[in-house]
């Protein structure tokens, strides 16, 4: 009986897809993601994380080949459907995404590629909340002042009723 349990456990480990090891850690301002155990020839890892404010998001991803079996080639890296820019590719891969405007809510990172069988990749995320420019603040405050002035002026108008 123990033999069958052991065989079942080994079979379950071998049947586990490559994306089971993909992780993402994001604290609201920065984070890391990666997969340290890609054993299949072609893989796709989908990771999600949540952002509570509107702002700008940047990210990098890299992989370094030690030998032919650990060589990893990204076929696609996207964040919310926007493709990362391929910076270099010769024995190692590096891609980056800069200043992507994001809305609050769930963000989706998809990493796809091919490998010889024993590869890994790692990446970083950086988030900056959107802060209005000084001119935008001045325009907004001026608009509130104008609305307040119009409301006050309408409140001062007196309606006179005369009877004949």
N, C-alpha and C. Protein backbone atom coordinates (compact mmCIF):
# COMPACT_ATOMS: atom_id res chain seq x y z
N UNK A 1 0.82 -1.20 0.00
CA UNK A 1 0.00 0.00 0.00
C UNK A 1 0.87 1.27 0.00
N UNK A 2 1.96 1.24 0.81
CA UNK A 2 2.85 2.39 0.86
C UNK A 2 3.50 2.63 -0.49
N UNK A 3 3.80 1.56 -1.23
CA UNK A 3 4.42 1.69 -2.53
C UNK A 3 3.52 2.45 -3.48
N UNK A 4 2.22 2.15 -3.48
CA UNK A 4 1.27 2.83 -4.36
C UNK A 4 1.11 4.30 -3.97
N UNK A 5 1.13 4.57 -2.68
CA UNK A 5 1.03 5.96 -2.22
C UNK A 5 2.25 6.75 -2.68
N UNK A 6 3.43 6.13 -2.58
CA UNK A 6 4.65 6.78 -3.02
C UNK A 6 4.64 7.01 -4.53
N UNK A 7 4.22 6.01 -5.30
CA UNK A 7 4.11 6.15 -6.74
C UNK A 7 3.11 7.24 -7.13
N UNK A 8 2.00 7.31 -6.41
CA UNK A 8 0.99 8.34 -6.66
C UNK A 8 1.54 9.73 -6.40
N UNK A 9 2.31 9.88 -5.31
CA UNK A 9 2.91 11.18 -4.98
C UNK A 9 3.92 11.60 -6.04
N UNK A 10 4.76 10.65 -6.48
CA UNK A 10 5.73 10.95 -7.53
C UNK A 10 5.01 11.33 -8.83
N UNK A 11 3.96 10.59 -9.19
CA UNK A 11 3.19 10.90 -10.39
C UNK A 11 2.55 12.27 -10.32
N UNK A 12 2.06 12.65 -9.13
CA UNK A 12 1.44 13.96 -8.95
C UNK A 12 2.48 15.07 -9.13
N UNK A 13 3.68 14.87 -8.59
CA UNK A 13 4.74 15.86 -8.75
C UNK A 13 5.13 16.02 -10.22
N UNK A 14 5.21 14.91 -10.94
CA UNK A 14 5.57 14.99 -12.35
C UNK A 14 4.47 15.60 -13.20
N UNK A 15 3.23 15.46 -12.79
CA UNK A 15 2.10 15.98 -13.55
C UNK A 15 1.84 17.45 -13.25
N UNK A 16 2.50 18.02 -12.23
CA UNK A 16 2.29 19.42 -11.88
C UNK A 16 2.82 20.32 -12.98
N UNK A 17 2.00 21.26 -13.50
CA UNK A 17 2.46 22.13 -14.58
C UNK A 17 3.55 23.08 -14.10
N UNK A 18 4.30 23.67 -15.05
CA UNK A 18 5.44 24.52 -14.70
C UNK A 18 5.02 25.78 -13.96
N UNK A 19 3.81 26.27 -14.17
CA UNK A 19 3.42 27.52 -13.54
C UNK A 19 3.11 27.37 -12.06
N UNK A 20 3.13 26.15 -11.53
CA UNK A 20 2.85 25.95 -10.11
C UNK A 20 3.88 26.65 -9.24
N UNK A 21 5.10 26.87 -9.76
CA UNK A 21 6.15 27.51 -8.97
C UNK A 21 6.18 29.02 -9.16
N UNK A 22 5.37 29.58 -10.06
CA UNK A 22 5.41 31.02 -10.29
C UNK A 22 4.81 31.74 -9.09
N UNK A 23 5.46 32.82 -8.69
CA UNK A 23 5.01 33.58 -7.52
C UNK A 23 5.07 35.07 -7.84
N UNK A 24 4.24 35.83 -7.14
CA UNK A 24 4.30 37.29 -7.22
C UNK A 24 4.04 37.84 -5.82
N UNK A 25 4.88 38.75 -5.40
CA UNK A 25 4.75 39.42 -4.10
C UNK A 25 4.70 40.90 -4.37
N UNK A 26 3.59 41.55 -3.99
CA UNK A 26 3.42 42.98 -4.25
C UNK A 26 2.83 43.62 -3.01
N UNK A 27 3.49 44.65 -2.48
CA UNK A 27 3.03 45.30 -1.25
C UNK A 27 2.27 46.60 -1.49
N UNK A 28 1.96 46.92 -2.74
CA UNK A 28 1.24 48.15 -3.05
C UNK A 28 2.14 49.21 -3.66
N UNK A 29 3.45 49.13 -3.41
CA UNK A 29 4.41 50.08 -3.96
C UNK A 29 5.44 49.40 -4.84
N UNK A 30 5.90 48.23 -4.42
CA UNK A 30 6.89 47.49 -5.19
C UNK A 30 6.68 46.00 -4.98
N UNK A 31 7.35 45.22 -5.81
CA UNK A 31 7.19 43.78 -5.66
C UNK A 31 8.16 43.01 -6.53
N UNK A 32 8.12 41.70 -6.34
CA UNK A 32 8.94 40.79 -7.12
C UNK A 32 8.07 39.66 -7.64
N UNK A 33 8.53 39.05 -8.72
CA UNK A 33 7.83 37.89 -9.26
C UNK A 33 8.85 36.98 -9.92
N UNK A 34 8.47 35.74 -10.15
CA UNK A 34 9.40 34.84 -10.81
C UNK A 34 8.92 33.40 -10.80
N UNK A 35 9.71 32.56 -11.43
CA UNK A 35 9.48 31.13 -11.45
C UNK A 35 10.85 30.48 -11.46
N UNK A 36 11.14 29.70 -10.44
CA UNK A 36 12.48 29.12 -10.29
C UNK A 36 12.54 27.66 -10.72
N UNK A 37 11.47 27.14 -11.30
CA UNK A 37 11.45 25.72 -11.59
C UNK A 37 10.66 25.42 -12.85
N UNK A 38 11.12 25.90 -13.99
CA UNK A 38 10.41 25.66 -15.25
C UNK A 38 11.02 24.40 -15.88
N UNK A 39 10.24 23.34 -15.93
CA UNK A 39 10.75 22.06 -16.41
C UNK A 39 10.18 21.66 -17.77
N UNK A 40 9.20 22.39 -18.29
CA UNK A 40 8.59 22.04 -19.58
C UNK A 40 9.21 22.87 -20.70
N UNK A 41 9.13 22.38 -21.93
CA UNK A 41 9.73 23.07 -23.07
C UNK A 41 9.05 24.41 -23.34
N UNK A 42 7.73 24.46 -23.29
CA UNK A 42 6.97 25.70 -23.48
C UNK A 42 6.16 25.96 -22.22
N UNK A 43 6.09 27.20 -21.80
CA UNK A 43 5.36 27.52 -20.57
C UNK A 43 4.63 28.85 -20.70
N UNK A 44 3.60 29.01 -19.90
CA UNK A 44 2.90 30.28 -19.74
C UNK A 44 2.53 30.41 -18.27
N UNK A 45 3.01 31.47 -17.63
CA UNK A 45 2.69 31.77 -16.23
C UNK A 45 1.79 33.00 -16.20
N UNK A 46 0.67 32.89 -15.52
CA UNK A 46 -0.24 34.03 -15.35
C UNK A 46 -0.31 34.37 -13.87
N UNK A 47 0.02 35.60 -13.54
CA UNK A 47 0.03 36.06 -12.15
C UNK A 47 -0.82 37.31 -12.04
N UNK A 48 -1.51 37.48 -10.93
CA UNK A 48 -2.34 38.66 -10.71
C UNK A 48 -1.97 39.31 -9.38
N UNK A 49 -2.18 40.61 -9.32
CA UNK A 49 -1.98 41.37 -8.09
C UNK A 49 -2.93 42.55 -8.12
N UNK A 50 -3.17 43.14 -6.96
CA UNK A 50 -4.17 44.20 -6.82
C UNK A 50 -3.50 45.53 -6.53
N UNK A 51 -4.02 46.60 -7.14
CA UNK A 51 -3.57 47.97 -6.88
C UNK A 51 -4.78 48.76 -6.41
N UNK A 52 -4.60 49.54 -5.34
CA UNK A 52 -5.74 50.25 -4.75
C UNK A 52 -5.93 51.67 -5.30
N UNK A 53 -4.95 52.22 -6.02
CA UNK A 53 -5.03 53.59 -6.53
C UNK A 53 -4.66 53.64 -8.01
N UNK A 54 -5.06 54.71 -8.66
CA UNK A 54 -4.64 54.96 -10.02
C UNK A 54 -3.19 55.45 -10.01
N UNK A 55 -2.40 55.05 -11.00
CA UNK A 55 -1.02 55.52 -11.03
C UNK A 55 -0.24 54.95 -12.20
N UNK A 56 1.08 54.93 -12.05
CA UNK A 56 1.99 54.44 -13.07
C UNK A 56 2.73 53.21 -12.55
N UNK A 57 2.88 52.21 -13.41
CA UNK A 57 3.51 50.96 -13.04
C UNK A 57 4.65 50.67 -14.00
N UNK A 58 5.79 50.27 -13.46
CA UNK A 58 6.93 49.86 -14.26
C UNK A 58 7.37 48.47 -13.84
N UNK A 59 8.01 47.74 -14.75
CA UNK A 59 8.43 46.39 -14.43
C UNK A 59 9.62 45.97 -15.27
N UNK A 60 10.42 45.05 -14.74
CA UNK A 60 11.51 44.42 -15.47
C UNK A 60 11.44 42.92 -15.27
N UNK A 61 12.00 42.18 -16.21
CA UNK A 61 12.08 40.73 -16.10
C UNK A 61 13.38 40.28 -16.76
N UNK A 62 14.05 39.28 -16.15
CA UNK A 62 15.30 38.81 -16.72
C UNK A 62 15.49 37.32 -16.49
N UNK A 63 16.35 36.74 -17.32
CA UNK A 63 16.72 35.34 -17.22
C UNK A 63 18.14 35.19 -17.75
N UNK A 64 18.95 34.42 -17.05
CA UNK A 64 20.34 34.20 -17.47
C UNK A 64 20.54 32.71 -17.66
N UNK A 65 21.12 32.33 -18.81
CA UNK A 65 21.39 30.93 -19.11
C UNK A 65 22.76 30.54 -18.59
N UNK A 66 22.81 29.46 -17.83
CA UNK A 66 24.08 28.91 -17.36
C UNK A 66 24.61 27.91 -18.38
N UNK A 67 23.69 27.12 -18.95
CA UNK A 67 24.03 26.16 -20.00
C UNK A 67 22.83 26.03 -20.92
N UNK A 68 22.91 25.14 -21.91
CA UNK A 68 21.84 25.00 -22.91
C UNK A 68 20.52 24.57 -22.28
N UNK A 69 20.57 23.76 -21.23
CA UNK A 69 19.31 23.31 -20.63
C UNK A 69 18.62 24.41 -19.84
N UNK A 70 19.38 25.40 -19.36
CA UNK A 70 18.77 26.47 -18.58
C UNK A 70 18.47 27.72 -19.41
N UNK A 71 18.72 27.67 -20.71
CA UNK A 71 18.44 28.81 -21.58
C UNK A 71 16.94 29.03 -21.67
N UNK A 72 16.49 30.24 -21.42
CA UNK A 72 15.07 30.58 -21.47
C UNK A 72 14.88 31.70 -22.48
N UNK A 73 13.93 31.54 -23.37
CA UNK A 73 13.59 32.57 -24.35
C UNK A 73 12.16 33.01 -24.13
N UNK A 74 11.98 34.28 -23.80
CA UNK A 74 10.63 34.81 -23.64
C UNK A 74 9.99 34.96 -25.01
N UNK A 75 8.80 34.43 -25.20
CA UNK A 75 8.07 34.66 -26.44
C UNK A 75 7.12 35.84 -26.28
N UNK A 76 6.68 36.07 -25.03
CA UNK A 76 5.78 37.19 -24.76
C UNK A 76 5.77 37.48 -23.27
N UNK A 77 5.86 38.76 -22.92
CA UNK A 77 5.71 39.20 -21.53
C UNK A 77 4.79 40.41 -21.58
N UNK A 78 3.61 40.30 -20.96
CA UNK A 78 2.65 41.40 -21.00
C UNK A 78 2.14 41.71 -19.60
N UNK A 79 1.82 42.98 -19.40
CA UNK A 79 1.16 43.43 -18.18
C UNK A 79 -0.11 44.15 -18.62
N UNK A 80 -1.24 43.59 -18.26
CA UNK A 80 -2.55 44.10 -18.70
C UNK A 80 -2.64 44.20 -20.22
N UNK A 81 -2.01 43.25 -20.91
CA UNK A 81 -2.06 43.21 -22.36
C UNK A 81 -1.03 44.06 -23.07
N UNK A 82 -0.22 44.83 -22.33
CA UNK A 82 0.81 45.68 -22.93
C UNK A 82 2.14 44.92 -22.91
N UNK A 83 2.76 44.79 -24.08
CA UNK A 83 3.99 44.01 -24.25
C UNK A 83 5.19 44.75 -23.65
N UNK A 84 6.06 44.01 -22.97
CA UNK A 84 7.32 44.54 -22.47
C UNK A 84 8.25 44.77 -23.66
N UNK A 85 9.16 45.74 -23.54
CA UNK A 85 10.16 46.02 -24.57
C UNK A 85 11.35 45.10 -24.37
N UNK A 86 11.78 44.43 -25.44
CA UNK A 86 12.93 43.54 -25.39
C UNK A 86 14.19 44.38 -25.46
N UNK A 87 14.98 44.39 -24.38
CA UNK A 87 16.17 45.23 -24.33
C UNK A 87 17.37 44.49 -24.93
N UNK A 88 17.66 43.28 -24.47
CA UNK A 88 18.76 42.49 -25.01
C UNK A 88 18.37 41.02 -25.04
N UNK A 89 19.05 40.25 -25.88
CA UNK A 89 18.74 38.82 -25.97
C UNK A 89 19.90 38.08 -26.61
N UNK A 90 20.79 37.52 -25.80
CA UNK A 90 21.87 36.68 -26.31
C UNK A 90 22.46 35.93 -25.11
N UNK A 91 21.92 34.76 -24.82
CA UNK A 91 22.36 34.02 -23.65
C UNK A 91 21.63 34.45 -22.40
N UNK A 92 21.12 35.65 -22.42
CA UNK A 92 20.27 36.12 -21.34
C UNK A 92 19.18 36.99 -21.93
N UNK A 93 18.09 37.08 -21.21
CA UNK A 93 16.94 37.86 -21.68
C UNK A 93 16.68 38.97 -20.67
N UNK A 94 16.34 40.14 -21.15
CA UNK A 94 15.95 41.24 -20.28
C UNK A 94 14.87 42.05 -21.01
N UNK A 95 13.76 42.25 -20.34
CA UNK A 95 12.67 43.06 -20.90
C UNK A 95 12.21 44.05 -19.85
N UNK A 96 11.65 45.15 -20.32
CA UNK A 96 11.22 46.20 -19.40
C UNK A 96 9.93 46.84 -19.88
N UNK A 97 9.19 47.37 -18.94
CA UNK A 97 7.97 48.12 -19.21
C UNK A 97 8.04 49.37 -18.35
N UNK A 98 7.84 50.53 -18.98
CA UNK A 98 8.02 51.79 -18.26
C UNK A 98 6.75 52.63 -18.30
N UNK A 99 6.37 53.15 -17.15
CA UNK A 99 5.29 54.13 -17.01
C UNK A 99 3.97 53.69 -17.65
N UNK A 100 3.49 52.53 -17.29
CA UNK A 100 2.19 52.06 -17.76
C UNK A 100 1.11 52.63 -16.84
N UNK A 101 0.17 53.41 -17.39
CA UNK A 101 -0.93 53.96 -16.60
C UNK A 101 -1.90 52.84 -16.24
N UNK A 102 -2.19 52.69 -14.95
CA UNK A 102 -3.08 51.63 -14.49
C UNK A 102 -4.19 52.22 -13.61
N UNK A 103 -5.33 51.57 -13.66
CA UNK A 103 -6.47 51.93 -12.83
C UNK A 103 -6.50 51.02 -11.60
N UNK A 104 -7.18 51.42 -10.54
CA UNK A 104 -7.28 50.55 -9.37
C UNK A 104 -7.94 49.22 -9.74
N UNK A 105 -7.50 48.16 -9.09
CA UNK A 105 -8.11 46.85 -9.31
C UNK A 105 -7.07 45.79 -9.61
N UNK A 106 -7.54 44.70 -10.17
CA UNK A 106 -6.71 43.54 -10.45
C UNK A 106 -5.85 43.77 -11.70
N UNK A 107 -4.54 43.52 -11.58
CA UNK A 107 -3.59 43.64 -12.69
C UNK A 107 -3.13 42.23 -13.06
N UNK A 108 -2.90 41.97 -14.34
CA UNK A 108 -2.53 40.63 -14.80
C UNK A 108 -1.21 40.67 -15.54
N UNK A 109 -0.28 39.85 -15.08
CA UNK A 109 1.04 39.69 -15.69
C UNK A 109 1.10 38.30 -16.30
N UNK A 110 1.43 38.23 -17.60
CA UNK A 110 1.52 36.94 -18.31
C UNK A 110 2.92 36.81 -18.90
N UNK A 111 3.60 35.72 -18.53
CA UNK A 111 4.95 35.43 -19.02
C UNK A 111 4.89 34.13 -19.79
N UNK A 112 5.31 34.16 -21.07
CA UNK A 112 5.34 32.96 -21.91
C UNK A 112 6.72 32.81 -22.50
N UNK A 113 7.13 31.56 -22.69
CA UNK A 113 8.44 31.33 -23.27
C UNK A 113 8.73 29.87 -23.53
N UNK A 114 9.97 29.63 -23.93
CA UNK A 114 10.44 28.26 -24.17
C UNK A 114 11.77 28.08 -23.45
N UNK A 115 12.08 26.83 -23.12
CA UNK A 115 13.31 26.53 -22.41
C UNK A 115 13.77 25.12 -22.70
N UNK A 116 15.04 24.86 -22.39
CA UNK A 116 15.59 23.53 -22.52
C UNK A 116 15.18 22.59 -21.41
N UNK A 117 14.63 23.13 -20.34
CA UNK A 117 14.10 22.26 -19.30
C UNK A 117 14.41 22.60 -17.88
N UNK A 118 15.44 23.36 -17.57
CA UNK A 118 15.76 23.66 -16.19
C UNK A 118 16.06 25.16 -16.08
N UNK A 119 15.05 25.98 -16.24
CA UNK A 119 15.25 27.42 -16.33
C UNK A 119 14.50 28.16 -15.24
N UNK A 120 14.83 29.44 -15.12
CA UNK A 120 14.13 30.30 -14.17
C UNK A 120 14.18 31.74 -14.68
N UNK A 121 13.30 32.56 -14.13
CA UNK A 121 13.31 33.99 -14.42
C UNK A 121 12.90 34.73 -13.16
N UNK A 122 13.19 36.02 -13.12
CA UNK A 122 12.81 36.86 -11.99
C UNK A 122 12.51 38.25 -12.50
N UNK A 123 11.68 38.97 -11.77
CA UNK A 123 11.32 40.32 -12.18
C UNK A 123 10.98 41.21 -11.01
N UNK A 124 10.87 42.49 -11.29
CA UNK A 124 10.52 43.47 -10.27
C UNK A 124 9.38 44.35 -10.77
N UNK A 125 8.61 44.89 -9.83
CA UNK A 125 7.52 45.81 -10.12
C UNK A 125 7.72 47.07 -9.29
N UNK A 126 7.38 48.22 -9.84
CA UNK A 126 7.43 49.49 -9.10
C UNK A 126 6.18 50.29 -9.45
N UNK A 127 5.51 50.82 -8.41
CA UNK A 127 4.26 51.56 -8.61
C UNK A 127 4.36 52.94 -7.98
N UNK A 128 3.87 53.94 -8.69
CA UNK A 128 3.78 55.30 -8.18
C UNK A 128 2.35 55.77 -8.34
N UNK A 129 1.73 56.20 -7.23
CA UNK A 129 0.36 56.70 -7.29
C UNK A 129 0.34 58.02 -8.05
N UNK A 130 -0.73 58.25 -8.80
CA UNK A 130 -0.86 59.47 -9.58
C UNK A 130 -1.11 60.66 -8.65
N UNK A 131 -0.30 61.69 -8.79
CA UNK A 131 -0.43 62.92 -8.01
C UNK A 131 -0.64 64.06 -8.99
N UNK A 132 -1.70 64.85 -8.79
CA UNK A 132 -1.95 65.94 -9.74
C UNK A 132 -0.80 66.96 -9.76
N UNK A 133 -0.56 67.55 -10.93
CA UNK A 133 0.44 68.60 -11.11
C UNK A 133 -0.05 69.87 -10.41
N UNK A 134 0.85 70.81 -10.04
CA UNK A 134 0.43 72.05 -9.40
C UNK A 134 -0.59 72.84 -10.22
N UNK A 135 -0.44 72.85 -11.54
CA UNK A 135 -1.40 73.58 -12.38
C UNK A 135 -2.78 72.94 -12.30
N UNK A 136 -2.83 71.61 -12.20
CA UNK A 136 -4.11 70.92 -12.08
C UNK A 136 -4.77 71.25 -10.74
N UNK A 137 -3.94 71.30 -9.66
CA UNK A 137 -4.49 71.70 -8.36
C UNK A 137 -5.06 73.11 -8.42
N UNK A 138 -4.34 74.06 -9.04
CA UNK A 138 -4.81 75.44 -9.13
C UNK A 138 -6.11 75.53 -9.92
N UNK A 139 -6.20 74.80 -11.01
CA UNK A 139 -7.42 74.79 -11.82
C UNK A 139 -8.59 74.21 -11.02
N UNK A 140 -8.33 73.14 -10.27
CA UNK A 140 -9.39 72.51 -9.49
C UNK A 140 -9.87 73.45 -8.37
N UNK A 141 -8.94 74.07 -7.67
CA UNK A 141 -9.32 74.99 -6.58
C UNK A 141 -10.06 76.19 -7.14
N UNK A 142 -9.59 76.73 -8.28
CA UNK A 142 -10.30 77.84 -8.91
C UNK A 142 -11.71 77.45 -9.33
N UNK A 143 -11.88 76.25 -9.83
CA UNK A 143 -13.22 75.77 -10.20
C UNK A 143 -14.14 75.66 -9.01
N UNK A 144 -13.62 75.14 -7.90
CA UNK A 144 -14.44 75.08 -6.67
C UNK A 144 -14.84 76.48 -6.21
N UNK A 145 -13.90 77.43 -6.32
CA UNK A 145 -14.20 78.82 -5.92
C UNK A 145 -15.30 79.42 -6.79
N UNK A 146 -15.24 79.17 -8.10
CA UNK A 146 -16.27 79.70 -9.00
C UNK A 146 -17.63 79.08 -8.71
N UNK A 147 -17.66 77.78 -8.47
CA UNK A 147 -18.93 77.12 -8.15
C UNK A 147 -19.49 77.67 -6.86
N UNK A 148 -18.62 77.86 -5.85
CA UNK A 148 -19.07 78.44 -4.58
C UNK A 148 -19.60 79.85 -4.75
N UNK A 149 -18.94 80.67 -5.59
CA UNK A 149 -19.40 82.04 -5.84
C UNK A 149 -20.76 82.06 -6.51
N UNK A 150 -20.96 81.18 -7.50
CA UNK A 150 -22.26 81.12 -8.18
C UNK A 150 -23.34 80.68 -7.22
N UNK A 151 -23.05 79.71 -6.37
CA UNK A 151 -24.05 79.23 -5.40
C UNK A 151 -24.41 80.33 -4.40
N UNK A 152 -23.40 81.10 -3.96
CA UNK A 152 -23.66 82.17 -3.00
C UNK A 152 -24.48 83.30 -3.63
N UNK A 153 -24.17 83.61 -4.87
CA UNK A 153 -24.90 84.67 -5.56
C UNK A 153 -26.36 84.28 -5.74
N UNK A 154 -26.63 83.04 -6.10
CA UNK A 154 -28.01 82.60 -6.27
C UNK A 154 -28.76 82.61 -4.94
N UNK A 155 -28.06 82.33 -3.86
CA UNK A 155 -28.72 82.32 -2.54
C UNK A 155 -29.12 83.73 -2.12
N UNK A 156 -28.40 84.77 -2.56
CA UNK A 156 -28.71 86.15 -2.18
C UNK A 156 -29.90 86.73 -2.94
N UNK A 157 -30.25 86.18 -4.07
CA UNK A 157 -31.36 86.72 -4.85
C UNK A 157 -32.64 86.57 -4.05
N UNK A 158 -33.36 87.67 -3.93
CA UNK A 158 -34.60 87.68 -3.19
C UNK A 158 -35.77 87.71 -4.18
N UNK A 159 -36.73 86.91 -3.96
CA UNK A 159 -37.90 86.88 -4.82
C UNK A 159 -38.94 87.81 -4.21
N UNK A 160 -39.39 88.81 -4.97
CA UNK A 160 -40.40 89.76 -4.48
C UNK A 160 -41.74 89.42 -5.09
N UNK A 161 -42.66 89.30 -4.25
CA UNK A 161 -44.01 88.98 -4.70
C UNK A 161 -44.89 90.20 -4.42
N UNK A 162 -45.62 90.67 -5.42
CA UNK A 162 -46.54 91.79 -5.23
C UNK A 162 -47.95 91.30 -5.57
N UNK A 163 -48.88 91.83 -4.82
CA UNK A 163 -50.29 91.49 -5.04
C UNK A 163 -51.00 92.71 -5.62
N UNK A 164 -51.83 92.50 -6.57
CA UNK A 164 -52.53 93.62 -7.16
C UNK A 164 -53.85 93.88 -6.51
